[in-house]
Amino acid sequence: METYKLKFTRLQNEIFRFLSIKAGMKFNQSRIAKMLKVSPTAISKALPLLEKEGLIKFEKGDNINLNLISFNREFSKSVFLKKIENLKRLQEVGLIDFLFNEFPGCTIILFGSYSKGEDIVTSDIDIAVIGTKEKKTNLSEFNRKLEHIININFYESWKTIHKHLKNNILNGITLSGAVSL
């Protein structure tokens, strides 16, 4: 296999991204086509490989004879790829750079379900900022772009964090700074 070739088409990547952002929701093919501004035929041709790879699930609708498509949250590969997609989105909307500039010299860690790729549409984004007192920060633009509420938790030092919460934070992803215990 040639490692420089992409496994999925651009449309398959867009479908995966859309379903990972909308994790926990189910869509029919025509709705996905409308959201991605492509034809339903293009969607139907792109879906089989995503299903074969275990990234999406098909389910029969209750009252209608339509297949409903959703992100497969039960498969470790799809959750891992969603984790990467989540980090990519944080970078693309500029949140990581914003936090780095807003809290220079602080350790910034993404933790919770969003950092693990286990989030759903209603989940929030948890971020710990260690090394500063609480600071009023306007995140409304990022909340809108990411379609999630961002919660920033401030801690003056690692010593002030409860043991169980500290463990949860340490299992997250360091966006800036370093961890020193």
N, C-alpha and C. Protein backbone atom coordinates (compact mmCIF):
# COMPACT_ATOMS: atom_id res chain seq x y z
N MET A 1 0.84 -1.19 0.00
CA MET A 1 0.00 0.00 0.00
C MET A 1 0.88 1.24 0.00
N GLU A 2 0.50 2.20 -0.78
CA GLU A 2 1.25 3.45 -0.86
C GLU A 2 0.81 4.36 0.28
N THR A 3 1.73 4.67 1.17
CA THR A 3 1.38 5.40 2.38
C THR A 3 1.04 6.87 2.13
N TYR A 4 1.42 7.41 1.00
CA TYR A 4 1.12 8.81 0.73
C TYR A 4 -0.26 9.01 0.10
N LYS A 5 -0.91 7.93 -0.27
CA LYS A 5 -2.26 8.03 -0.85
C LYS A 5 -3.30 8.01 0.27
N LEU A 6 -4.31 8.83 0.13
CA LEU A 6 -5.38 8.88 1.12
C LEU A 6 -6.29 7.67 0.97
N LYS A 7 -6.77 7.17 2.10
CA LYS A 7 -7.64 6.00 2.08
C LYS A 7 -9.06 6.36 1.65
N PHE A 8 -9.51 7.54 2.06
CA PHE A 8 -10.88 7.97 1.78
C PHE A 8 -10.88 9.14 0.81
N THR A 9 -11.98 9.27 0.08
CA THR A 9 -12.15 10.41 -0.81
C THR A 9 -12.45 11.66 0.02
N ARG A 10 -12.40 12.80 -0.64
CA ARG A 10 -12.72 14.05 0.05
C ARG A 10 -14.14 13.99 0.61
N LEU A 11 -15.07 13.47 -0.18
CA LEU A 11 -16.46 13.38 0.27
C LEU A 11 -16.60 12.43 1.46
N GLN A 12 -15.92 11.31 1.43
CA GLN A 12 -15.97 10.38 2.57
C GLN A 12 -15.42 11.03 3.83
N ASN A 13 -14.36 11.81 3.68
CA ASN A 13 -13.82 12.55 4.84
C ASN A 13 -14.82 13.58 5.35
N GLU A 14 -15.51 14.25 4.43
CA GLU A 14 -16.52 15.24 4.84
C GLU A 14 -17.70 14.58 5.55
N ILE A 15 -18.12 13.42 5.04
CA ILE A 15 -19.21 12.69 5.69
C ILE A 15 -18.79 12.26 7.09
N PHE A 16 -17.58 11.71 7.21
CA PHE A 16 -17.09 11.29 8.53
C PHE A 16 -17.03 12.48 9.48
N ARG A 17 -16.51 13.59 9.00
CA ARG A 17 -16.41 14.78 9.85
C ARG A 17 -17.79 15.26 10.29
N PHE A 18 -18.72 15.33 9.36
CA PHE A 18 -20.08 15.76 9.68
C PHE A 18 -20.70 14.86 10.74
N LEU A 19 -20.61 13.54 10.55
CA LEU A 19 -21.21 12.60 11.50
C LEU A 19 -20.48 12.61 12.84
N SER A 20 -19.16 12.86 12.84
CA SER A 20 -18.45 12.91 14.12
C SER A 20 -18.81 14.18 14.89
N ILE A 21 -19.04 15.28 14.19
CA ILE A 21 -19.48 16.51 14.84
C ILE A 21 -20.89 16.33 15.41
N LYS A 22 -21.71 15.63 14.68
CA LYS A 22 -23.11 15.40 15.07
C LYS A 22 -23.28 14.04 15.74
N ALA A 23 -22.25 13.55 16.42
CA ALA A 23 -22.31 12.24 17.08
C ALA A 23 -23.50 12.17 18.03
N GLY A 24 -24.19 11.04 17.98
CA GLY A 24 -25.38 10.85 18.80
C GLY A 24 -26.66 11.14 18.03
N MET A 25 -26.54 11.68 16.83
CA MET A 25 -27.71 11.98 15.99
C MET A 25 -27.72 11.03 14.80
N LYS A 26 -28.91 10.84 14.22
CA LYS A 26 -29.08 9.97 13.06
C LYS A 26 -29.63 10.79 11.89
N PHE A 27 -29.12 10.49 10.70
CA PHE A 27 -29.52 11.22 9.50
C PHE A 27 -29.81 10.25 8.37
N ASN A 28 -30.72 10.65 7.47
CA ASN A 28 -30.88 9.86 6.25
C ASN A 28 -29.94 10.43 5.19
N GLN A 29 -29.79 9.69 4.09
CA GLN A 29 -28.83 10.09 3.05
C GLN A 29 -29.15 11.45 2.45
N SER A 30 -30.41 11.73 2.23
CA SER A 30 -30.76 13.01 1.60
C SER A 30 -30.45 14.19 2.53
N ARG A 31 -30.61 14.01 3.82
CA ARG A 31 -30.28 15.07 4.79
C ARG A 31 -28.77 15.35 4.79
N ILE A 32 -27.98 14.26 4.78
CA ILE A 32 -26.52 14.43 4.73
C ILE A 32 -26.13 15.14 3.43
N ALA A 33 -26.74 14.72 2.32
CA ALA A 33 -26.45 15.35 1.02
C ALA A 33 -26.77 16.84 1.06
N LYS A 34 -27.89 17.19 1.66
CA LYS A 34 -28.29 18.60 1.75
C LYS A 34 -27.31 19.39 2.61
N MET A 35 -26.90 18.82 3.74
CA MET A 35 -25.98 19.51 4.65
C MET A 35 -24.60 19.72 4.00
N LEU A 36 -24.16 18.74 3.20
CA LEU A 36 -22.84 18.82 2.57
C LEU A 36 -22.89 19.42 1.16
N LYS A 37 -24.11 19.75 0.72
CA LYS A 37 -24.32 20.37 -0.60
C LYS A 37 -23.77 19.52 -1.73
N VAL A 38 -24.13 18.23 -1.70
CA VAL A 38 -23.79 17.29 -2.77
C VAL A 38 -25.04 16.49 -3.11
N SER A 39 -24.97 15.68 -4.14
CA SER A 39 -26.14 14.89 -4.53
C SER A 39 -26.32 13.67 -3.63
N PRO A 40 -27.55 13.22 -3.44
CA PRO A 40 -27.79 11.99 -2.67
C PRO A 40 -27.09 10.78 -3.28
N THR A 41 -26.96 10.76 -4.61
CA THR A 41 -26.26 9.66 -5.28
C THR A 41 -24.80 9.62 -4.87
N ALA A 42 -24.16 10.77 -4.81
CA ALA A 42 -22.76 10.83 -4.38
C ALA A 42 -22.62 10.31 -2.95
N ILE A 43 -23.56 10.67 -2.09
CA ILE A 43 -23.54 10.19 -0.70
C ILE A 43 -23.69 8.68 -0.68
N SER A 44 -24.63 8.14 -1.44
CA SER A 44 -24.87 6.69 -1.41
C SER A 44 -23.67 5.91 -1.93
N LYS A 45 -22.90 6.49 -2.84
CA LYS A 45 -21.69 5.83 -3.34
C LYS A 45 -20.53 5.92 -2.34
N ALA A 46 -20.53 6.95 -1.52
CA ALA A 46 -19.43 7.16 -0.57
C ALA A 46 -19.60 6.38 0.73
N LEU A 47 -20.83 6.03 1.09
CA LEU A 47 -21.10 5.41 2.39
C LEU A 47 -20.59 3.98 2.58
N PRO A 48 -20.64 3.10 1.56
CA PRO A 48 -20.25 1.71 1.80
C PRO A 48 -18.86 1.51 2.40
N LEU A 49 -17.85 2.25 1.94
CA LEU A 49 -16.50 2.09 2.49
C LEU A 49 -16.45 2.55 3.95
N LEU A 50 -17.15 3.63 4.27
CA LEU A 50 -17.19 4.10 5.67
C LEU A 50 -17.85 3.05 6.57
N GLU A 51 -18.89 2.41 6.05
CA GLU A 51 -19.54 1.35 6.83
C GLU A 51 -18.64 0.13 6.95
N LYS A 52 -18.00 -0.24 5.86
CA LYS A 52 -17.09 -1.40 5.87
C LYS A 52 -15.96 -1.20 6.88
N GLU A 53 -15.46 0.02 6.98
CA GLU A 53 -14.38 0.35 7.92
C GLU A 53 -14.88 0.45 9.36
N GLY A 54 -16.19 0.42 9.55
CA GLY A 54 -16.77 0.48 10.89
C GLY A 54 -16.91 1.87 11.46
N LEU A 55 -16.76 2.89 10.62
CA LEU A 55 -16.81 4.27 11.10
C LEU A 55 -18.22 4.81 11.26
N ILE A 56 -19.16 4.24 10.50
CA ILE A 56 -20.55 4.67 10.59
C ILE A 56 -21.44 3.45 10.76
N LYS A 57 -22.68 3.71 11.21
CA LYS A 57 -23.67 2.64 11.39
C LYS A 57 -24.91 2.97 10.57
N PHE A 58 -25.52 1.92 10.03
CA PHE A 58 -26.81 2.03 9.36
C PHE A 58 -27.86 1.41 10.25
N GLU A 59 -29.00 2.06 10.37
CA GLU A 59 -30.13 1.52 11.12
C GLU A 59 -31.40 1.78 10.32
N LYS A 60 -32.35 0.87 10.45
CA LYS A 60 -33.65 1.07 9.81
C LYS A 60 -34.45 2.08 10.63
N GLY A 61 -35.13 2.98 9.95
CA GLY A 61 -36.00 3.93 10.63
C GLY A 61 -37.21 3.24 11.21
N ASP A 62 -37.78 3.77 12.27
CA ASP A 62 -38.93 3.16 12.95
C ASP A 62 -40.18 3.14 12.07
N ASN A 63 -40.61 4.29 11.63
CA ASN A 63 -41.88 4.40 10.90
C ASN A 63 -41.71 4.56 9.40
N ILE A 64 -40.49 4.75 8.98
CA ILE A 64 -40.26 4.99 7.56
C ILE A 64 -39.27 3.97 7.01
N ASN A 65 -39.32 3.77 5.72
CA ASN A 65 -38.46 2.78 5.09
C ASN A 65 -37.16 3.45 4.61
N LEU A 66 -36.46 4.10 5.52
CA LEU A 66 -35.21 4.76 5.20
C LEU A 66 -34.11 4.25 6.12
N ASN A 67 -32.90 4.19 5.59
CA ASN A 67 -31.76 3.89 6.44
C ASN A 67 -31.33 5.17 7.15
N LEU A 68 -31.11 5.05 8.44
CA LEU A 68 -30.58 6.17 9.21
C LEU A 68 -29.10 5.91 9.45
N ILE A 69 -28.30 6.93 9.27
CA ILE A 69 -26.85 6.81 9.36
C ILE A 69 -26.37 7.61 10.55
N SER A 70 -25.44 7.03 11.29
CA SER A 70 -24.88 7.73 12.45
C SER A 70 -23.41 7.37 12.62
N PHE A 71 -22.72 8.17 13.41
CA PHE A 71 -21.33 7.91 13.76
C PHE A 71 -21.29 6.67 14.66
N ASN A 72 -20.35 5.77 14.42
CA ASN A 72 -20.23 4.54 15.21
C ASN A 72 -19.36 4.80 16.44
N ARG A 73 -19.99 5.07 17.57
CA ARG A 73 -19.28 5.38 18.81
C ARG A 73 -18.80 4.13 19.54
N GLU A 74 -19.14 2.95 19.03
CA GLU A 74 -18.80 1.70 19.71
C GLU A 74 -17.52 1.07 19.17
N PHE A 75 -16.93 1.64 18.13
CA PHE A 75 -15.75 1.07 17.49
C PHE A 75 -14.54 1.94 17.83
N SER A 76 -13.49 1.35 18.39
CA SER A 76 -12.34 2.11 18.87
C SER A 76 -11.65 2.92 17.76
N LYS A 77 -11.61 2.38 16.56
CA LYS A 77 -10.96 3.10 15.45
C LYS A 77 -11.71 4.39 15.13
N SER A 78 -13.03 4.34 15.09
CA SER A 78 -13.80 5.55 14.78
C SER A 78 -13.68 6.58 15.90
N VAL A 79 -13.64 6.12 17.15
CA VAL A 79 -13.48 7.04 18.29
C VAL A 79 -12.10 7.70 18.24
N PHE A 80 -11.07 6.91 17.89
CA PHE A 80 -9.72 7.46 17.78
C PHE A 80 -9.66 8.53 16.68
N LEU A 81 -10.25 8.23 15.52
CA LEU A 81 -10.25 9.20 14.43
C LEU A 81 -11.07 10.45 14.78
N LYS A 82 -12.12 10.28 15.57
CA LYS A 82 -12.91 11.42 16.04
C LYS A 82 -12.08 12.30 16.97
N LYS A 83 -11.27 11.67 17.80
CA LYS A 83 -10.38 12.41 18.70
C LYS A 83 -9.45 13.32 17.88
N ILE A 84 -8.90 12.77 16.81
CA ILE A 84 -8.03 13.55 15.92
C ILE A 84 -8.83 14.68 15.26
N GLU A 85 -10.03 14.36 14.82
CA GLU A 85 -10.90 15.35 14.18
C GLU A 85 -11.22 16.49 15.16
N ASN A 86 -11.48 16.15 16.42
CA ASN A 86 -11.76 17.17 17.43
C ASN A 86 -10.58 18.12 17.60
N LEU A 87 -9.37 17.57 17.70
CA LEU A 87 -8.17 18.40 17.84
C LEU A 87 -7.97 19.28 16.61
N LYS A 88 -8.20 18.71 15.46
CA LYS A 88 -8.06 19.45 14.20
C LYS A 88 -9.02 20.63 14.18
N ARG A 89 -10.24 20.43 14.62
CA ARG A 89 -11.23 21.51 14.65
C ARG A 89 -10.82 22.61 15.62
N LEU A 90 -10.28 22.25 16.78
CA LEU A 90 -9.82 23.26 17.75
C LEU A 90 -8.75 24.14 17.12
N GLN A 91 -7.86 23.52 16.34
CA GLN A 91 -6.80 24.27 15.67
C GLN A 91 -7.38 25.14 14.55
N GLU A 92 -8.27 24.58 13.75
CA GLU A 92 -8.83 25.30 12.60
C GLU A 92 -9.62 26.55 13.00
N VAL A 93 -10.36 26.48 14.10
CA VAL A 93 -11.14 27.66 14.52
C VAL A 93 -10.29 28.67 15.28
N GLY A 94 -9.04 28.31 15.60
CA GLY A 94 -8.13 29.24 16.26
C GLY A 94 -8.18 29.22 17.78
N LEU A 95 -8.88 28.25 18.36
CA LEU A 95 -9.00 28.22 19.82
C LEU A 95 -7.66 27.96 20.50
N ILE A 96 -6.86 27.06 19.96
CA ILE A 96 -5.58 26.73 20.59
C ILE A 96 -4.67 27.96 20.61
N ASP A 97 -4.57 28.67 19.49
CA ASP A 97 -3.75 29.89 19.44
C ASP A 97 -4.30 30.96 20.37
N PHE A 98 -5.63 31.09 20.42
CA PHE A 98 -6.27 32.06 21.30
C PHE A 98 -5.89 31.79 22.76
N LEU A 99 -6.01 30.53 23.19
CA LEU A 99 -5.68 30.16 24.57
C LEU A 99 -4.20 30.39 24.86
N PHE A 100 -3.35 30.04 23.91
CA PHE A 100 -1.91 30.22 24.07
C PHE A 100 -1.58 31.70 24.29
N ASN A 101 -2.21 32.57 23.52
CA ASN A 101 -1.96 34.01 23.63
C ASN A 101 -2.63 34.62 24.86
N GLU A 102 -3.79 34.10 25.23
CA GLU A 102 -4.56 34.62 26.36
C GLU A 102 -3.92 34.24 27.70
N PHE A 103 -3.30 33.06 27.74
CA PHE A 103 -2.72 32.54 28.99
C PHE A 103 -1.26 32.13 28.77
N PRO A 104 -0.38 33.10 28.48
CA PRO A 104 1.03 32.77 28.22
C PRO A 104 1.70 32.18 29.46
N GLY A 105 2.51 31.16 29.23
CA GLY A 105 3.25 30.54 30.32
C GLY A 105 2.45 29.54 31.13
N CYS A 106 1.17 29.40 30.85
CA CYS A 106 0.32 28.46 31.60
C CYS A 106 0.28 27.11 30.89
N THR A 107 -0.03 26.09 31.67
CA THR A 107 -0.28 24.78 31.09
C THR A 107 -1.76 24.71 30.74
N ILE A 108 -2.04 24.35 29.50
CA ILE A 108 -3.43 24.28 29.02
C ILE A 108 -3.69 22.85 28.57
N ILE A 109 -4.69 22.22 29.19
CA ILE A 109 -4.99 20.82 28.91
C ILE A 109 -6.46 20.65 28.55
N LEU A 110 -6.69 19.98 27.43
CA LEU A 110 -8.03 19.59 27.01
C LEU A 110 -8.31 18.26 27.69
N PHE A 111 -9.44 18.16 28.41
CA PHE A 111 -9.75 16.89 29.08
C PHE A 111 -11.23 16.59 28.96
N GLY A 112 -11.63 15.43 29.44
CA GLY A 112 -13.04 15.04 29.37
C GLY A 112 -13.35 14.31 28.08
N SER A 113 -14.65 14.17 27.80
CA SER A 113 -15.10 13.36 26.66
C SER A 113 -14.61 13.90 25.32
N TYR A 114 -14.49 15.21 25.17
CA TYR A 114 -14.05 15.78 23.90
C TYR A 114 -12.61 15.39 23.59
N SER A 115 -11.76 15.31 24.61
CA SER A 115 -10.36 14.94 24.40
C SER A 115 -10.21 13.46 24.05
N LYS A 116 -11.19 12.66 24.41
CA LYS A 116 -11.13 11.22 24.15
C LYS A 116 -11.86 10.82 22.87
N GLY A 117 -12.57 11.76 22.26
CA GLY A 117 -13.36 11.45 21.07
C GLY A 117 -14.67 10.77 21.41
N GLU A 118 -15.09 10.87 22.67
CA GLU A 118 -16.31 10.22 23.13
C GLU A 118 -17.48 11.19 23.28
N ASP A 119 -17.30 12.42 22.84
CA ASP A 119 -18.34 13.44 22.98
C ASP A 119 -19.49 13.22 22.02
N ILE A 120 -20.64 13.77 22.40
CA ILE A 120 -21.81 13.79 21.52
C ILE A 120 -22.21 15.25 21.32
N VAL A 121 -23.27 15.48 20.59
CA VAL A 121 -23.70 16.84 20.24
C VAL A 121 -23.90 17.71 21.48
N THR A 122 -24.42 17.14 22.56
CA THR A 122 -24.73 17.93 23.75
C THR A 122 -23.57 18.04 24.74
N SER A 123 -22.44 17.41 24.44
CA SER A 123 -21.28 17.47 25.34
C SER A 123 -20.65 18.86 25.33
N ASP A 124 -19.94 19.16 26.41
CA ASP A 124 -19.19 20.41 26.44
C ASP A 124 -17.72 20.10 26.21
N ILE A 125 -16.92 21.15 26.09
CA ILE A 125 -15.48 21.02 25.92
C ILE A 125 -14.84 21.52 27.20
N ASP A 126 -14.11 20.64 27.89
CA ASP A 126 -13.48 20.99 29.16
C ASP A 126 -12.00 21.29 28.95
N ILE A 127 -11.58 22.45 29.44
CA ILE A 127 -10.19 22.87 29.33
C ILE A 127 -9.71 23.32 30.70
N ALA A 128 -8.54 22.82 31.10
CA ALA A 128 -7.93 23.24 32.36
C ALA A 128 -6.78 24.19 32.05
N VAL A 129 -6.74 25.32 32.76
CA VAL A 129 -5.63 26.26 32.64
C VAL A 129 -4.96 26.29 34.00
N ILE A 130 -3.72 25.80 34.06
CA ILE A 130 -3.00 25.71 35.32
C ILE A 130 -1.89 26.76 35.32
N GLY A 131 -1.87 27.56 36.38
CA GLY A 131 -0.83 28.56 36.54
C GLY A 131 -1.34 29.98 36.52
N THR A 132 -2.64 30.17 36.68
CA THR A 132 -3.19 31.52 36.69
C THR A 132 -4.49 31.55 37.50
N LYS A 133 -4.84 32.74 37.92
CA LYS A 133 -6.14 32.93 38.57
C LYS A 133 -7.21 33.02 37.48
N GLU A 134 -8.45 32.91 37.90
CA GLU A 134 -9.56 32.97 36.94
C GLU A 134 -9.55 34.30 36.20
N LYS A 135 -9.81 34.22 34.90
CA LYS A 135 -9.80 35.40 34.05
C LYS A 135 -11.03 35.35 33.15
N LYS A 136 -11.75 36.45 33.07
CA LYS A 136 -12.94 36.53 32.22
C LYS A 136 -12.49 36.45 30.76
N THR A 137 -13.05 35.49 30.04
CA THR A 137 -12.67 35.26 28.65
C THR A 137 -13.92 35.09 27.81
N ASN A 138 -14.01 35.81 26.70
CA ASN A 138 -15.16 35.69 25.82
C ASN A 138 -14.92 34.57 24.80
N LEU A 139 -15.66 33.49 24.96
CA LEU A 139 -15.51 32.32 24.09
C LEU A 139 -16.70 32.12 23.17
N SER A 140 -17.60 33.09 23.10
CA SER A 140 -18.85 32.91 22.34
C SER A 140 -18.62 32.57 20.87
N GLU A 141 -17.62 33.18 20.26
CA GLU A 141 -17.32 32.89 18.85
C GLU A 141 -16.89 31.43 18.69
N PHE A 142 -16.07 30.93 19.61
CA PHE A 142 -15.62 29.54 19.54
C PHE A 142 -16.75 28.57 19.87
N ASN A 143 -17.60 28.94 20.82
CA ASN A 143 -18.77 28.10 21.13
C ASN A 143 -19.63 27.92 19.89
N ARG A 144 -19.83 29.00 19.15
CA ARG A 144 -20.66 28.96 17.94
C ARG A 144 -19.99 28.12 16.85
N LYS A 145 -18.72 28.36 16.60
CA LYS A 145 -18.01 27.64 15.54
C LYS A 145 -17.88 26.14 15.83
N LEU A 146 -17.66 25.80 17.09
CA LEU A 146 -17.46 24.39 17.45
C LEU A 146 -18.78 23.68 17.77
N GLU A 147 -19.85 24.46 17.94
CA GLU A 147 -21.17 23.91 18.28
C GLU A 147 -21.15 23.17 19.62
N HIS A 148 -20.30 23.63 20.52
CA HIS A 148 -20.20 23.09 21.87
C HIS A 148 -19.94 24.26 22.83
N ILE A 149 -20.34 24.10 24.07
CA ILE A 149 -20.01 25.08 25.11
C ILE A 149 -18.62 24.74 25.63
N ILE A 150 -17.77 25.75 25.75
CA ILE A 150 -16.41 25.55 26.26
C ILE A 150 -16.38 25.97 27.72
N ASN A 151 -15.92 25.06 28.58
CA ASN A 151 -15.75 25.34 30.01
C ASN A 151 -14.26 25.41 30.32
N ILE A 152 -13.82 26.57 30.79
CA ILE A 152 -12.42 26.70 31.20
C ILE A 152 -12.37 26.67 32.71
N ASN A 153 -11.56 25.76 33.25
CA ASN A 153 -11.35 25.64 34.69
C ASN A 153 -9.96 26.18 35.01
N PHE A 154 -9.87 27.12 35.94
CA PHE A 154 -8.61 27.75 36.29
C PHE A 154 -8.07 27.19 37.60
N TYR A 155 -6.76 26.95 37.64
CA TYR A 155 -6.09 26.46 38.85
C TYR A 155 -4.75 27.18 38.96
N GLU A 156 -4.46 27.67 40.17
CA GLU A 156 -3.20 28.39 40.36
C GLU A 156 -2.00 27.46 40.32
N SER A 157 -2.19 26.22 40.77
CA SER A 157 -1.10 25.23 40.71
C SER A 157 -1.70 23.83 40.75
N TRP A 158 -0.86 22.85 40.44
CA TRP A 158 -1.30 21.46 40.48
C TRP A 158 -1.70 21.05 41.90
N LYS A 159 -1.09 21.68 42.88
CA LYS A 159 -1.33 21.32 44.28
C LYS A 159 -2.75 21.64 44.73
N THR A 160 -3.40 22.58 44.05
CA THR A 160 -4.76 22.99 44.45
C THR A 160 -5.85 22.12 43.82
N ILE A 161 -5.46 21.17 42.99
CA ILE A 161 -6.43 20.33 42.28
C ILE A 161 -6.66 19.03 43.04
N HIS A 162 -7.92 18.67 43.24
CA HIS A 162 -8.28 17.41 43.91
C HIS A 162 -7.68 16.23 43.15
N LYS A 163 -7.30 15.20 43.89
CA LYS A 163 -6.61 14.02 43.34
C LYS A 163 -7.34 13.39 42.14
N HIS A 164 -8.65 13.16 42.26
CA HIS A 164 -9.40 12.51 41.18
C HIS A 164 -9.53 13.42 39.95
N LEU A 165 -9.75 14.70 40.18
CA LEU A 165 -9.82 15.65 39.08
C LEU A 165 -8.46 15.78 38.40
N LYS A 166 -7.40 15.79 39.20
CA LYS A 166 -6.05 15.87 38.65
C LYS A 166 -5.78 14.68 37.73
N ASN A 167 -6.21 13.50 38.15
CA ASN A 167 -6.03 12.29 37.34
C ASN A 167 -6.79 12.43 36.02
N ASN A 168 -8.02 12.94 36.08
CA ASN A 168 -8.83 13.16 34.88
C ASN A 168 -8.16 14.16 33.94
N ILE A 169 -7.63 15.24 34.49
CA ILE A 169 -6.95 16.25 33.68
C ILE A 169 -5.69 15.67 33.05
N LEU A 170 -4.93 14.91 33.82
CA LEU A 170 -3.69 14.33 33.31
C LEU A 170 -3.93 13.30 32.20
N ASN A 171 -5.13 12.74 32.15
CA ASN A 171 -5.48 11.82 31.07
C ASN A 171 -5.92 12.56 29.81
N GLY A 172 -5.90 13.88 29.87
CA GLY A 172 -6.29 14.70 28.73
C GLY A 172 -5.12 14.94 27.78
N ILE A 173 -5.27 15.95 26.94
CA ILE A 173 -4.27 16.28 25.92
C ILE A 173 -3.70 17.66 26.22
N THR A 174 -2.39 17.74 26.39
CA THR A 174 -1.73 19.01 26.67
C THR A 174 -1.67 19.84 25.39
N LEU A 175 -2.30 21.00 25.41
CA LEU A 175 -2.32 21.89 24.26
C LEU A 175 -1.18 22.90 24.31
N SER A 176 -0.75 23.23 25.53
CA SER A 176 0.31 24.21 25.70
C SER A 176 0.95 24.01 27.07
N GLY A 177 2.25 24.27 27.17
CA GLY A 177 2.93 24.16 28.45
C GLY A 177 3.37 22.74 28.74
N ALA A 178 3.66 22.49 30.01
CA ALA A 178 4.15 21.19 30.43
C ALA A 178 3.53 20.82 31.77
N VAL A 179 3.57 19.54 32.07
CA VAL A 179 3.04 19.05 33.33
C VAL A 179 4.21 18.83 34.28
N SER A 180 4.16 19.49 35.43
CA SER A 180 5.19 19.26 36.46
C SER A 180 4.47 19.03 37.77
N LEU A 181 4.72 17.87 38.35
CA LEU A 181 4.03 17.50 39.59
C LEU A 181 4.90 17.68 40.80
